Amino acid sequence: VLTGVLGVWFEFKSRREERFLRERFPTYAAYAQTVKKFLPGIY
């Protein structure tokens, strides 16, 4: 259960951080399309 809760928490946290980074750094959107979010090559 804890793993699921942490997974959901990290997903929401990363979305908030990515929104901040896109607003702060104009080139972040292009960079984000080239890399995975959590696990390189998977997700």
Protein backbone atom coordinates (compact mmCIF):
# COMPACT_ATOMS: atom_id res chain seq x y z
CA VAL A 1 0.00 0.00 0.00
CA LEU A 2 2.80 2.39 0.89
CA THR A 3 4.45 1.86 -2.49
CA GLY A 4 1.23 2.82 -4.27
CA VAL A 5 0.76 5.93 -2.14
CA LEU A 6 4.34 7.01 -2.74
CA GLY A 7 3.99 6.38 -6.47
CA VAL A 8 0.94 8.63 -6.67
CA TRP A 9 2.63 11.28 -4.51
CA PHE A 10 5.75 11.32 -6.70
CA GLU A 11 3.61 11.58 -9.85
CA PHE A 12 1.77 14.66 -8.57
CA LYS A 13 4.98 16.19 -7.21
CA SER A 14 6.79 15.73 -10.51
CA ARG A 15 3.90 17.28 -12.46
CA ARG A 16 4.04 20.36 -10.24
CA GLU A 17 7.82 20.61 -10.61
CA GLU A 18 7.65 20.20 -14.37
CA ARG A 19 5.06 22.97 -14.63
CA PHE A 20 7.42 25.24 -12.65
CA LEU A 21 10.40 24.30 -14.83
CA ARG A 22 8.47 24.94 -18.06
CA GLU A 23 7.52 28.41 -16.82
CA ARG A 24 11.01 29.23 -15.57
CA PHE A 25 13.13 27.75 -18.36
CA PRO A 26 11.80 28.10 -21.93
CA THR A 27 13.97 25.27 -23.28
CA TYR A 28 12.81 22.77 -20.65
CA ALA A 29 9.84 21.59 -22.73
CA ALA A 30 12.14 20.40 -25.52
CA TYR A 31 14.47 18.74 -23.02
CA ALA A 32 11.60 16.98 -21.23
CA GLN A 33 10.52 15.32 -24.47
CA THR A 34 13.91 13.63 -24.81
CA VAL A 35 14.15 12.05 -21.33
CA LYS A 36 11.95 9.78 -19.21
CA LYS A 37 10.45 11.06 -15.99
CA PHE A 38 11.47 8.55 -13.28
CA LEU A 39 13.16 5.46 -14.66
CA PRO A 40 15.53 6.05 -17.57
CA GLY A 41 14.25 4.27 -20.65
CA ILE A 42 11.05 3.08 -18.94
CA TYR A 43 8.93 5.91 -17.47
